[in-house]
Structure formats: structure tokens, C-alpha cells
Amino acid sequence: MLIPLLKKERESLRIVYSLVLQNLVDCLEKAFKAFFRRCKAGAKNPAFLDFVLSIATIASAFLKVIFL
């Protein structure tokens, strides 16, 4: 995975446990896959707002972890 490389590159990521970062990556991946699956299925409303809110929630959780 790229997490060890990112931790070497970015000082702020070094203080975050790798498991936390992996969970964030998994949540982002699920959000993207669900959104694009709905788009591909031809949904009239692929729940873009839900997608954006899930990304915002994940980002918020990540920032709380870094700055706590």
C-alpha cells in the first residue's frame, strides 16, 4: 500500500496510526464505488449529495485524528 510512502513524504501523516489511515482509505473507496455504481446503473439521482457528505465526514474525521 502507499501509506508507508505517504508517511515518509508528509510529516503530518507520521503521527497518525496506519490502521486509521487504512480505514479512511477504505471508507473513501466505498463512497466512490457506491456513487459511480449508481451512476453506471443510470440512476436519475445518484445521491451526489450523499457522496459529498460522506467525503466531508471522512475528511472531518481525519482532521480530528490529526489535530487531537
N, C-alpha and C. Protein backbone atom coordinates (compact mmCIF):
# COMPACT_ATOMS: atom_id res chain seq x y z
N MET A 1 0.84 -1.19 0.00
CA MET A 1 0.00 0.00 0.00
C MET A 1 0.88 1.24 0.00
N LEU A 2 0.29 2.33 -0.34
CA LEU A 2 1.04 3.58 -0.44
C LEU A 2 1.18 4.33 0.88
N ILE A 3 0.53 3.86 1.92
CA ILE A 3 0.55 4.58 3.19
C ILE A 3 1.96 4.77 3.74
N PRO A 4 2.83 3.75 3.74
CA PRO A 4 4.20 3.99 4.23
C PRO A 4 4.94 5.06 3.42
N LEU A 5 4.70 5.08 2.11
CA LEU A 5 5.35 6.09 1.28
C LEU A 5 4.82 7.48 1.59
N LEU A 6 3.51 7.57 1.78
CA LEU A 6 2.91 8.86 2.12
C LEU A 6 3.38 9.36 3.48
N LYS A 7 3.54 8.45 4.41
CA LYS A 7 4.01 8.84 5.74
C LYS A 7 5.44 9.37 5.69
N LYS A 8 6.26 8.82 4.78
CA LYS A 8 7.62 9.32 4.63
C LYS A 8 7.62 10.71 3.99
N GLU A 9 6.66 10.92 3.09
CA GLU A 9 6.59 12.17 2.35
C GLU A 9 6.01 13.32 3.16
N ARG A 10 5.00 13.03 3.97
CA ARG A 10 4.27 14.09 4.68
C ARG A 10 4.44 13.95 6.19
N GLU A 11 4.99 14.98 6.77
CA GLU A 11 5.24 15.00 8.22
C GLU A 11 3.95 14.82 9.02
N SER A 12 2.86 15.44 8.59
CA SER A 12 1.61 15.40 9.36
C SER A 12 1.02 13.98 9.44
N LEU A 13 1.32 13.13 8.48
CA LEU A 13 0.77 11.77 8.49
C LEU A 13 1.55 10.84 9.41
N ARG A 14 2.73 11.23 9.81
CA ARG A 14 3.56 10.36 10.64
C ARG A 14 2.96 10.14 12.03
N ILE A 15 2.16 11.08 12.48
CA ILE A 15 1.60 10.95 13.83
C ILE A 15 0.32 10.12 13.85
N VAL A 16 -0.20 9.78 12.66
CA VAL A 16 -1.46 9.03 12.57
C VAL A 16 -1.14 7.55 12.39
N TYR A 17 -1.83 6.71 13.15
CA TYR A 17 -1.65 5.27 13.02
C TYR A 17 -2.03 4.81 11.61
N SER A 18 -1.29 3.86 11.10
CA SER A 18 -1.54 3.34 9.76
C SER A 18 -2.93 2.73 9.64
N LEU A 19 -3.40 2.10 10.70
CA LEU A 19 -4.74 1.50 10.68
C LEU A 19 -5.82 2.56 10.48
N VAL A 20 -5.65 3.71 11.10
CA VAL A 20 -6.60 4.81 10.93
C VAL A 20 -6.60 5.28 9.47
N LEU A 21 -5.43 5.44 8.91
CA LEU A 21 -5.33 5.86 7.51
C LEU A 21 -5.94 4.82 6.58
N GLN A 22 -5.69 3.55 6.87
CA GLN A 22 -6.26 2.48 6.03
C GLN A 22 -7.78 2.49 6.11
N ASN A 23 -8.33 2.71 7.30
CA ASN A 23 -9.79 2.79 7.43
C ASN A 23 -10.36 3.96 6.64
N LEU A 24 -9.66 5.08 6.65
CA LEU A 24 -10.11 6.24 5.88
C LEU A 24 -10.08 5.95 4.38
N VAL A 25 -9.03 5.28 3.94
CA VAL A 25 -8.93 4.90 2.53
C VAL A 25 -10.07 3.96 2.15
N ASP A 26 -10.37 3.00 3.02
CA ASP A 26 -11.46 2.05 2.76
C ASP A 26 -12.80 2.77 2.67
N CYS A 27 -13.04 3.72 3.57
CA CYS A 27 -14.30 4.48 3.54
C CYS A 27 -14.42 5.31 2.27
N LEU A 28 -13.33 5.94 1.87
CA LEU A 28 -13.35 6.71 0.63
C LEU A 28 -13.61 5.82 -0.58
N GLU A 29 -12.95 4.67 -0.59
CA GLU A 29 -13.14 3.73 -1.70
C GLU A 29 -14.59 3.27 -1.81
N LYS A 30 -15.20 2.96 -0.66
CA LYS A 30 -16.60 2.53 -0.66
C LYS A 30 -17.52 3.64 -1.15
N ALA A 31 -17.25 4.87 -0.72
CA ALA A 31 -18.08 6.01 -1.14
C ALA A 31 -17.99 6.22 -2.65
N PHE A 32 -16.76 6.19 -3.19
CA PHE A 32 -16.59 6.36 -4.63
C PHE A 32 -17.25 5.23 -5.41
N LYS A 33 -17.03 3.99 -4.98
CA LYS A 33 -17.61 2.85 -5.69
C LYS A 33 -19.13 2.89 -5.68
N ALA A 34 -19.72 3.23 -4.54
CA ALA A 34 -21.19 3.28 -4.45
C ALA A 34 -21.75 4.38 -5.36
N PHE A 35 -21.11 5.53 -5.35
CA PHE A 35 -21.58 6.64 -6.18
C PHE A 35 -21.51 6.28 -7.66
N PHE A 36 -20.36 5.79 -8.10
CA PHE A 36 -20.21 5.50 -9.53
C PHE A 36 -21.00 4.27 -9.96
N ARG A 37 -21.26 3.36 -9.03
CA ARG A 37 -22.14 2.23 -9.34
C ARG A 37 -23.55 2.74 -9.63
N ARG A 38 -24.01 3.70 -8.82
CA ARG A 38 -25.33 4.27 -9.06
C ARG A 38 -25.36 5.06 -10.36
N CYS A 39 -24.29 5.76 -10.67
CA CYS A 39 -24.21 6.50 -11.95
C CYS A 39 -24.28 5.52 -13.12
N LYS A 40 -23.51 4.46 -13.05
CA LYS A 40 -23.46 3.48 -14.12
C LYS A 40 -24.81 2.79 -14.30
N ALA A 41 -25.54 2.60 -13.20
CA ALA A 41 -26.85 1.95 -13.26
C ALA A 41 -27.90 2.87 -13.85
N GLY A 42 -27.53 4.12 -14.09
CA GLY A 42 -28.45 5.07 -14.71
C GLY A 42 -29.42 5.72 -13.74
N ALA A 43 -29.03 5.79 -12.49
CA ALA A 43 -29.90 6.43 -11.51
C ALA A 43 -30.12 7.90 -11.87
N LYS A 44 -31.36 8.34 -11.81
CA LYS A 44 -31.65 9.74 -12.12
C LYS A 44 -31.00 10.66 -11.10
N ASN A 45 -30.99 10.22 -9.87
CA ASN A 45 -30.34 10.96 -8.81
C ASN A 45 -29.37 10.01 -8.12
N PRO A 46 -28.10 10.01 -8.53
CA PRO A 46 -27.16 9.05 -7.96
C PRO A 46 -26.69 9.41 -6.55
N ALA A 47 -27.47 10.22 -5.88
CA ALA A 47 -27.18 10.61 -4.50
C ALA A 47 -25.83 11.32 -4.40
N PHE A 48 -25.63 12.30 -5.26
CA PHE A 48 -24.37 13.05 -5.23
C PHE A 48 -24.20 13.74 -3.89
N LEU A 49 -25.28 14.26 -3.34
CA LEU A 49 -25.19 14.94 -2.05
C LEU A 49 -24.73 13.96 -0.97
N ASP A 50 -25.26 12.74 -0.99
CA ASP A 50 -24.81 11.73 -0.03
C ASP A 50 -23.32 11.44 -0.21
N PHE A 51 -22.88 11.40 -1.46
CA PHE A 51 -21.48 11.15 -1.77
C PHE A 51 -20.61 12.27 -1.19
N VAL A 52 -21.01 13.51 -1.44
CA VAL A 52 -20.24 14.65 -0.94
C VAL A 52 -20.23 14.67 0.59
N LEU A 53 -21.37 14.39 1.20
CA LEU A 53 -21.44 14.37 2.66
C LEU A 53 -20.57 13.27 3.25
N SER A 54 -20.54 12.12 2.60
CA SER A 54 -19.70 11.04 3.12
C SER A 54 -18.22 11.41 3.01
N ILE A 55 -17.83 12.06 1.92
CA ILE A 55 -16.45 12.51 1.77
C ILE A 55 -16.13 13.57 2.83
N ALA A 56 -17.06 14.49 3.06
CA ALA A 56 -16.85 15.53 4.06
C ALA A 56 -16.74 14.93 5.46
N THR A 57 -17.54 13.92 5.75
CA THR A 57 -17.49 13.27 7.06
C THR A 57 -16.15 12.57 7.26
N ILE A 58 -15.68 11.91 6.22
CA ILE A 58 -14.39 11.22 6.30
C ILE A 58 -13.27 12.23 6.50
N ALA A 59 -13.32 13.33 5.75
CA ALA A 59 -12.29 14.37 5.88
C ALA A 59 -12.31 14.97 7.29
N SER A 60 -13.50 15.20 7.81
CA SER A 60 -13.63 15.75 9.15
C SER A 60 -13.04 14.81 10.19
N ALA A 61 -13.33 13.53 10.06
CA ALA A 61 -12.79 12.54 10.99
C ALA A 61 -11.27 12.50 10.91
N PHE A 62 -10.75 12.61 9.70
CA PHE A 62 -9.31 12.59 9.51
C PHE A 62 -8.66 13.79 10.17
N LEU A 63 -9.25 14.97 10.01
CA LEU A 63 -8.68 16.16 10.62
C LEU A 63 -8.74 16.10 12.14
N LYS A 64 -9.80 15.52 12.68
CA LYS A 64 -9.89 15.37 14.13
C LYS A 64 -8.79 14.47 14.65
N VAL A 65 -8.50 13.42 13.91
CA VAL A 65 -7.45 12.49 14.32
C VAL A 65 -6.09 13.17 14.30
N ILE A 66 -5.83 13.97 13.27
CA ILE A 66 -4.53 14.62 13.14
C ILE A 66 -4.32 15.68 14.22
N PHE A 67 -5.35 16.46 14.50
CA PHE A 67 -5.17 17.61 15.39
C PHE A 67 -5.58 17.38 16.83
N LEU A 68 -5.93 16.17 17.20
CA LEU A 68 -6.25 15.90 18.60
C LEU A 68 -5.01 15.62 19.40
